[in-house]
């Protein structure tokens, strides 16, 4: 199993975990509260969602795709 695939799976797993944990136990996320204070309720939620859930999932999917399709630079 390649390193890209491992990191991709970890990134997707992290993104899915934070997506679930945001709805189950939002009080665990201190940064979410700080973002709500800085950007407002809705803005803080959107910034946190994108930064901690959407971005890791997208990066993970790109890494998984690259690993499975053999694209991109890889160490020899």
PDB file of N, CA and C in Angstrom:
ATOM      1  N   UNK A   1       0.850  -1.170   0.000  1.00  0.00           N
ATOM      2  CA  UNK A   1       0.000   0.000   0.000  1.00  0.00           C
ATOM      3  C   UNK A   1       0.892   1.228   0.000  1.00  0.00           C
ATOM      4  N   UNK A   2       0.668   2.127  -0.952  1.00  0.00           N
ATOM      5  CA  UNK A   2       1.502   3.302  -1.086  1.00  0.00           C
ATOM      6  C   UNK A   2       1.212   4.361  -0.036  1.00  0.00           C
ATOM      7  N   UNK A   3       2.160   5.236   0.152  1.00  0.00           N
ATOM      8  CA  UNK A   3       2.041   6.313   1.126  1.00  0.00           C
ATOM      9  C   UNK A   3       0.912   7.275   0.768  1.00  0.00           C
ATOM     10  N   UNK A   4       0.734   7.553  -0.531  1.00  0.00           N
ATOM     11  CA  UNK A   4      -0.356   8.435  -0.957  1.00  0.00           C
ATOM     12  C   UNK A   4      -1.706   7.858  -0.572  1.00  0.00           C
ATOM     13  N   UNK A   5      -1.855   6.569  -0.766  1.00  0.00           N
ATOM     14  CA  UNK A   5      -3.119   5.917  -0.436  1.00  0.00           C
ATOM     15  C   UNK A   5      -3.376   5.979   1.067  1.00  0.00           C
ATOM     16  N   UNK A   6      -2.364   5.740   1.859  1.00  0.00           N
ATOM     17  CA  UNK A   6      -2.505   5.786   3.319  1.00  0.00           C
ATOM     18  C   UNK A   6      -2.897   7.188   3.769  1.00  0.00           C
ATOM     19  N   UNK A   7      -2.180   8.198   3.291  1.00  0.00           N
ATOM     20  CA  UNK A   7      -2.502   9.574   3.672  1.00  0.00           C
ATOM     21  C   UNK A   7      -3.880   9.978   3.163  1.00  0.00           C
ATOM     22  N   UNK A   8      -4.241   9.516   1.980  1.00  0.00           N
ATOM     23  CA  UNK A   8      -5.561   9.802   1.442  1.00  0.00           C
ATOM     24  C   UNK A   8      -6.667   9.218   2.302  1.00  0.00           C
ATOM     25  N   UNK A   9      -6.503   7.964   2.703  1.00  0.00           N
ATOM     26  CA  UNK A   9      -7.496   7.326   3.562  1.00  0.00           C
ATOM     27  C   UNK A   9      -7.576   8.008   4.928  1.00  0.00           C
ATOM     28  N   UNK A  10      -6.433   8.384   5.475  1.00  0.00           N
ATOM     29  CA  UNK A  10      -6.421   9.094   6.753  1.00  0.00           C
ATOM     30  C   UNK A  10      -7.112  10.453   6.645  1.00  0.00           C
ATOM     31  N   UNK A  11      -6.862  11.175   5.563  1.00  0.00           N
ATOM     32  CA  UNK A  11      -7.481  12.492   5.374  1.00  0.00           C
ATOM     33  C   UNK A  11      -8.994  12.369   5.234  1.00  0.00           C
ATOM     34  N   UNK A  12      -9.450  11.406   4.448  1.00  0.00           N
ATOM     35  CA  UNK A  12     -10.895  11.206   4.295  1.00  0.00           C
ATOM     36  C   UNK A  12     -11.506  10.786   5.639  1.00  0.00           C
ATOM     37  N   UNK A  13     -10.843   9.903   6.349  1.00  0.00           N
ATOM     38  CA  UNK A  13     -11.333   9.479   7.663  1.00  0.00           C
ATOM     39  C   UNK A  13     -11.427  10.633   8.642  1.00  0.00           C
ATOM     40  N   UNK A  14     -10.416  11.489   8.655  1.00  0.00           N
ATOM     41  CA  UNK A  14     -10.430  12.659   9.534  1.00  0.00           C
ATOM     42  C   UNK A  14     -11.576  13.597   9.169  1.00  0.00           C
ATOM     43  N   UNK A  15     -11.736  13.856   7.880  1.00  0.00           N
ATOM     44  CA  UNK A  15     -12.818  14.738   7.436  1.00  0.00           C
ATOM     45  C   UNK A  15     -14.184  14.199   7.805  1.00  0.00           C
ATOM     46  N   UNK A  16     -14.389  12.903   7.617  1.00  0.00           N
ATOM     47  CA  UNK A  16     -15.667  12.291   7.972  1.00  0.00           C
ATOM     48  C   UNK A  16     -15.890  12.300   9.484  1.00  0.00           C
ATOM     49  N   UNK A  17     -14.815  12.064  10.246  1.00  0.00           N
ATOM     50  CA  UNK A  17     -14.930  12.115  11.710  1.00  0.00           C
ATOM     51  C   UNK A  17     -15.340  13.503  12.172  1.00  0.00           C
ATOM     52  N   UNK A  18     -14.674  14.542  11.665  1.00  0.00           N
ATOM     53  CA  UNK A  18     -15.021  15.897  12.100  1.00  0.00           C
ATOM     54  C   UNK A  18     -16.428  16.274  11.650  1.00  0.00           C
ATOM     55  N   UNK A  19     -16.840  15.795  10.493  1.00  0.00           N
ATOM     56  CA  UNK A  19     -18.198  16.044  10.021  1.00  0.00           C
ATOM     57  C   UNK A  19     -19.212  15.434  10.994  1.00  0.00           C
ATOM     58  N   UNK A  20     -18.964  14.201  11.416  1.00  0.00           N
ATOM     59  CA  UNK A  20     -19.846  13.540  12.379  1.00  0.00           C
ATOM     60  C   UNK A  20     -19.778  14.214  13.752  1.00  0.00           C
ATOM     61  N   UNK A  21     -18.568  14.472  14.228  1.00  0.00           N
ATOM     62  CA  UNK A  21     -18.395  15.013  15.576  1.00  0.00           C
ATOM     63  C   UNK A  21     -18.965  16.418  15.707  1.00  0.00           C
ATOM     64  N   UNK A  22     -18.971  17.184  14.606  1.00  0.00           N
ATOM     65  CA  UNK A  22     -19.569  18.528  14.645  1.00  0.00           C
ATOM     66  C   UNK A  22     -21.043  18.462  15.018  1.00  0.00           C
ATOM     67  N   UNK A  23     -21.740  17.458  14.534  1.00  0.00           N
ATOM     68  CA  UNK A  23     -23.173  17.360  14.832  1.00  0.00           C
ATOM     69  C   UNK A  23     -23.421  16.639  16.164  1.00  0.00           C
ATOM     70  N   UNK A  24     -22.574  15.687  16.507  1.00  0.00           N
ATOM     71  CA  UNK A  24     -22.772  14.911  17.730  1.00  0.00           C
ATOM     72  C   UNK A  24     -22.328  15.676  18.979  1.00  0.00           C
ATOM     73  N   UNK A  25     -21.127  16.251  18.937  1.00  0.00           N
ATOM     74  CA  UNK A  25     -20.579  16.945  20.118  1.00  0.00           C
ATOM     75  C   UNK A  25     -19.840  18.215  19.699  1.00  0.00           C
ATOM     76  N   UNK A  26     -20.572  19.242  19.293  1.00  0.00           N
ATOM     77  CA  UNK A  26     -19.905  20.475  18.833  1.00  0.00           C
ATOM     78  C   UNK A  26     -19.121  21.186  19.936  1.00  0.00           C
ATOM     79  N   UNK A  27     -19.431  20.924  21.198  1.00  0.00           N
ATOM     80  CA  UNK A  27     -18.716  21.582  22.297  1.00  0.00           C
ATOM     81  C   UNK A  27     -17.261  21.128  22.398  1.00  0.00           C
ATOM     82  N   UNK A  28     -16.905  20.019  21.747  1.00  0.00           N
ATOM     83  CA  UNK A  28     -15.517  19.537  21.755  1.00  0.00           C
ATOM     84  C   UNK A  28     -14.597  20.414  20.916  1.00  0.00           C
ATOM     85  N   UNK A  29     -15.147  21.226  20.028  1.00  0.00           N
ATOM     86  CA  UNK A  29     -14.350  21.996  19.084  1.00  0.00           C
ATOM     87  C   UNK A  29     -14.164  23.427  19.579  1.00  0.00           C
ATOM     88  N   UNK A  30     -13.062  23.665  20.268  1.00  0.00           N
ATOM     89  CA  UNK A  30     -12.771  25.004  20.774  1.00  0.00           C
ATOM     90  C   UNK A  30     -12.555  25.986  19.622  1.00  0.00           C
ATOM     91  N   UNK A  31     -11.946  25.506  18.548  1.00  0.00           N
ATOM     92  CA  UNK A  31     -11.700  26.394  17.402  1.00  0.00           C
ATOM     93  C   UNK A  31     -12.999  26.799  16.730  1.00  0.00           C
ATOM     94  N   UNK A  32     -14.007  25.960  16.791  1.00  0.00           N
ATOM     95  CA  UNK A  32     -15.306  26.298  16.224  1.00  0.00           C
ATOM     96  C   UNK A  32     -15.898  27.497  16.957  1.00  0.00           C
ATOM     97  N   UNK A  33     -15.825  27.480  18.265  1.00  0.00           N
ATOM     98  CA  UNK A  33     -16.342  28.609  19.044  1.00  0.00           C
ATOM     99  C   UNK A  33     -15.563  29.892  18.755  1.00  0.00           C
ATOM    100  N   UNK A  34     -14.242  29.775  18.630  1.00  0.00           N
ATOM    101  CA  UNK A  34     -13.430  30.950  18.304  1.00  0.00           C
ATOM    102  C   UNK A  34     -13.792  31.492  16.923  1.00  0.00           C
ATOM    103  N   UNK A  35     -14.038  30.606  15.979  1.00  0.00           N
ATOM    104  CA  UNK A  35     -14.407  31.042  14.632  1.00  0.00           C
ATOM    105  C   UNK A  35     -15.789  31.684  14.619  1.00  0.00           C
ATOM    106  N   UNK A  36     -16.696  31.178  15.446  1.00  0.00           N
ATOM    107  CA  UNK A  36     -18.020  31.782  15.547  1.00  0.00           C
ATOM    108  C   UNK A  36     -17.921  33.199  16.111  1.00  0.00           C
ATOM    109  N   UNK A  37     -17.034  33.391  17.085  1.00  0.00           N
ATOM    110  CA  UNK A  37     -16.849  34.723  17.648  1.00  0.00           C
ATOM    111  C   UNK A  37     -16.261  35.677  16.620  1.00  0.00           C
ATOM    112  N   UNK A  38     -15.342  35.189  15.818  1.00  0.00           N
ATOM    113  CA  UNK A  38     -14.660  36.050  14.851  1.00  0.00           C
ATOM    114  C   UNK A  38     -15.502  36.317  13.608  1.00  0.00           C
ATOM    115  N   UNK A  39     -16.188  35.311  13.079  1.00  0.00           N
ATOM    116  CA  UNK A  39     -16.903  35.433  11.809  1.00  0.00           C
ATOM    117  C   UNK A  39     -18.422  35.447  11.953  1.00  0.00           C
ATOM    118  N   UNK A  40     -18.933  35.344  13.159  1.00  0.00           N
ATOM    119  CA  UNK A  40     -20.366  35.229  13.371  1.00  0.00           C
ATOM    120  C   UNK A  40     -20.776  33.764  13.381  1.00  0.00           C
ATOM    121  N   UNK A  41     -22.010  33.516  13.784  1.00  0.00           N
ATOM    122  CA  UNK A  41     -22.495  32.132  13.919  1.00  0.00           C
ATOM    123  C   UNK A  41     -22.413  31.360  12.605  1.00  0.00           C
ATOM    124  N   UNK A  42     -23.037  31.885  11.576  1.00  0.00           N
ATOM    125  CA  UNK A  42     -23.072  31.176  10.292  1.00  0.00           C
ATOM    126  C   UNK A  42     -21.697  31.155   9.620  1.00  0.00           C
ATOM    127  N   UNK A  43     -21.006  32.290   9.623  1.00  0.00           N
ATOM    128  CA  UNK A  43     -19.682  32.363   9.003  1.00  0.00           C
ATOM    129  C   UNK A  43     -18.682  31.444   9.671  1.00  0.00           C
ATOM    130  N   UNK A  44     -18.706  31.387  11.001  1.00  0.00           N
ATOM    131  CA  UNK A  44     -17.806  30.509  11.735  1.00  0.00           C
ATOM    132  C   UNK A  44     -18.067  29.041  11.428  1.00  0.00           C
ATOM    133  N   UNK A  45     -19.355  28.686  11.322  1.00  0.00           N
ATOM    134  CA  UNK A  45     -19.703  27.314  10.971  1.00  0.00           C
ATOM    135  C   UNK A  45     -19.214  26.956   9.575  1.00  0.00           C
ATOM    136  N   UNK A  46     -19.378  27.874   8.632  1.00  0.00           N
ATOM    137  CA  UNK A  46     -18.958  27.607   7.250  1.00  0.00           C
ATOM    138  C   UNK A  46     -17.445  27.476   7.155  1.00  0.00           C
ATOM    139  N   UNK A  47     -16.713  28.395   7.766  1.00  0.00           N
ATOM    140  CA  UNK A  47     -15.243  28.345   7.726  1.00  0.00           C
ATOM    141  C   UNK A  47     -14.747  27.050   8.363  1.00  0.00           C
ATOM    142  N   UNK A  48     -15.304  26.692   9.508  1.00  0.00           N
ATOM    143  CA  UNK A  48     -14.879  25.469  10.191  1.00  0.00           C
ATOM    144  C   UNK A  48     -15.220  24.226   9.369  1.00  0.00           C
ATOM    145  N   UNK A  49     -16.401  24.201   8.792  1.00  0.00           N
ATOM    146  CA  UNK A  49     -16.815  23.065   7.975  1.00  0.00           C
ATOM    147  C   UNK A  49     -15.879  22.871   6.785  1.00  0.00           C
ATOM    148  N   UNK A  50     -15.573  23.963   6.100  1.00  0.00           N
ATOM    149  CA  UNK A  50     -14.698  23.878   4.926  1.00  0.00           C
ATOM    150  C   UNK A  50     -13.279  23.478   5.329  1.00  0.00           C
ATOM    151  N   UNK A  51     -12.747  24.121   6.370  1.00  0.00           N
ATOM    152  CA  UNK A  51     -11.350  23.888   6.751  1.00  0.00           C
ATOM    153  C   UNK A  51     -11.114  22.519   7.370  1.00  0.00           C
ATOM    154  N   UNK A  52     -12.068  22.026   8.157  1.00  0.00           N
ATOM    155  CA  UNK A  52     -11.823  20.793   8.909  1.00  0.00           C
ATOM    156  C   UNK A  52     -12.571  19.575   8.389  1.00  0.00           C
ATOM    157  N   UNK A  53     -13.492  19.740   7.457  1.00  0.00           N
ATOM    158  CA  UNK A  53     -14.220  18.590   6.926  1.00  0.00           C
ATOM    159  C   UNK A  53     -14.109  18.486   5.408  1.00  0.00           C
ATOM    160  N   UNK A  54     -14.508  19.536   4.714  1.00  0.00           N
ATOM    161  CA  UNK A  54     -14.546  19.485   3.246  1.00  0.00           C
ATOM    162  C   UNK A  54     -13.137  19.392   2.653  1.00  0.00           C
ATOM    163  N   UNK A  55     -12.234  20.258   3.099  1.00  0.00           N
ATOM    164  CA  UNK A  55     -10.872  20.266   2.540  1.00  0.00           C
ATOM    165  C   UNK A  55     -10.145  18.936   2.751  1.00  0.00           C
ATOM    166  N   UNK A  56     -10.150  18.371   3.969  1.00  0.00           N
ATOM    167  CA  UNK A  56      -9.484  17.069   4.126  1.00  0.00           C
ATOM    168  C   UNK A  56     -10.095  15.963   3.270  1.00  0.00           C
ATOM    169  N   UNK A  57     -11.420  15.964   3.131  1.00  0.00           N
ATOM    170  CA  UNK A  57     -12.060  14.946   2.301  1.00  0.00           C
ATOM    171  C   UNK A  57     -11.638  15.102   0.845  1.00  0.00           C
ATOM    172  N   UNK A  58     -11.631  16.340   0.335  1.00  0.00           N
ATOM    173  CA  UNK A  58     -11.228  16.568  -1.057  1.00  0.00           C
ATOM    174  C   UNK A  58      -9.767  16.199  -1.285  1.00  0.00           C
ATOM    175  N   UNK A  59      -8.895  16.624  -0.377  1.00  0.00           N
ATOM    176  CA  UNK A  59      -7.475  16.291  -0.512  1.00  0.00           C
ATOM    177  C   UNK A  59      -7.287  14.779  -0.446  1.00  0.00           C
ATOM    178  N   UNK A  60      -7.985  14.130   0.467  1.00  0.00           N
ATOM    179  CA  UNK A  60      -7.894  12.679   0.584  1.00  0.00           C
ATOM    180  C   UNK A  60      -8.346  11.965  -0.676  1.00  0.00           C
ATOM    181  N   UNK A  61      -9.453  12.440  -1.277  1.00  0.00           N
ATOM    182  CA  UNK A  61      -9.939  11.827  -2.505  1.00  0.00           C
ATOM    183  C   UNK A  61      -8.950  12.007  -3.656  1.00  0.00           C
ATOM    184  N   UNK A  62      -8.326  13.177  -3.718  1.00  0.00           N
ATOM    185  CA  UNK A  62      -7.310  13.407  -4.755  1.00  0.00           C
ATOM    186  C   UNK A  62      -6.118  12.473  -4.541  1.00  0.00           C
ATOM    187  N   UNK A  63      -5.673  12.341  -3.306  1.00  0.00           N
ATOM    188  CA  UNK A  63      -4.547  11.442  -3.016  1.00  0.00           C
ATOM    189  C   UNK A  63      -4.891   9.988  -3.337  1.00  0.00           C
ATOM    190  N   UNK A  64      -6.088   9.569  -2.979  1.00  0.00           N
ATOM    191  CA  UNK A  64      -6.510   8.195  -3.274  1.00  0.00           C
ATOM    192  C   UNK A  64      -6.579   7.980  -4.779  1.00  0.00           C
ATOM    193  N   UNK A  65      -7.176   8.929  -5.479  1.00  0.00           N
ATOM    194  CA  UNK A  65      -7.252   8.817  -6.935  1.00  0.00           C
ATOM    195  C   UNK A  65      -5.889   8.776  -7.591  1.00  0.00           C
ATOM    196  N   UNK A  66      -5.000   9.628  -7.118  1.00  0.00           N
ATOM    197  CA  UNK A  66      -3.643   9.649  -7.658  1.00  0.00           C
ATOM    198  C   UNK A  66      -2.930   8.326  -7.379  1.00  0.00           C
ATOM    199  N   UNK A  67      -3.116   7.802  -6.183  1.00  0.00           N
ATOM    200  CA  UNK A  67      -2.467   6.542  -5.822  1.00  0.00           C
ATOM    201  C   UNK A  67      -2.997   5.375  -6.661  1.00  0.00           C
ATOM    202  N   UNK A  68      -4.294   5.356  -6.867  1.00  0.00           N
ATOM    203  CA  UNK A  68      -4.888   4.230  -7.613  1.00  0.00           C
ATOM    204  C   UNK A  68      -4.659   4.318  -9.104  1.00  0.00           C
ATOM    205  N   UNK A  69      -4.611   5.545  -9.634  1.00  0.00           N
ATOM    206  CA  UNK A  69      -4.425   5.719 -11.081  1.00  0.00           C
ATOM    207  C   UNK A  69      -2.962   5.866 -11.467  1.00  0.00           C
ATOM    208  N   UNK A  70      -2.094   5.979 -10.481  1.00  0.00           N
ATOM    209  CA  UNK A  70      -0.659   6.045 -10.760  1.00  0.00           C
ATOM    210  C   UNK A  70      -0.170   7.383 -11.262  1.00  0.00           C
ATOM    211  N   UNK A  71      -0.924   8.424 -11.042  1.00  0.00           N
ATOM    212  CA  UNK A  71      -0.517   9.747 -11.511  1.00  0.00           C
ATOM    213  C   UNK A  71       0.335  10.484 -10.489  1.00  0.00           C
ATOM    214  N   UNK A  72       0.915  11.581 -10.929  1.00  0.00           N
ATOM    215  CA  UNK A  72       1.684  12.437 -10.047  1.00  0.00           C
ATOM    216  C   UNK A  72       3.067  11.891  -9.777  1.00  0.00           C
ATOM    217  N   UNK A  73       3.906  12.754  -9.177  1.00  0.00           N
ATOM    218  CA  UNK A  73       5.265  12.306  -8.853  1.00  0.00           C
ATOM    219  C   UNK A  73       5.252  11.302  -7.700  1.00  0.00           C
ATOM    220  N   UNK A  74       6.123  10.340  -7.769  1.00  0.00           N
ATOM    221  CA  UNK A  74       6.242   9.386  -6.675  1.00  0.00           C
ATOM    222  C   UNK A  74       7.718   9.089  -6.448  1.00  0.00           C
ATOM    223  N   UNK A  75       8.084   8.865  -5.178  1.00  0.00           N
ATOM    224  CA  UNK A  75       9.496   8.562  -4.901  1.00  0.00           C
ATOM    225  C   UNK A  75       9.903   7.231  -5.510  1.00  0.00           C
ATOM    226  N   UNK A  76      11.138   7.158  -5.947  1.00  0.00           N
ATOM    227  CA  UNK A  76      11.639   5.945  -6.615  1.00  0.00           C
ATOM    228  C   UNK A  76      12.338   5.052  -5.631  1.00  0.00           C
TER     229      UNK A  76
END
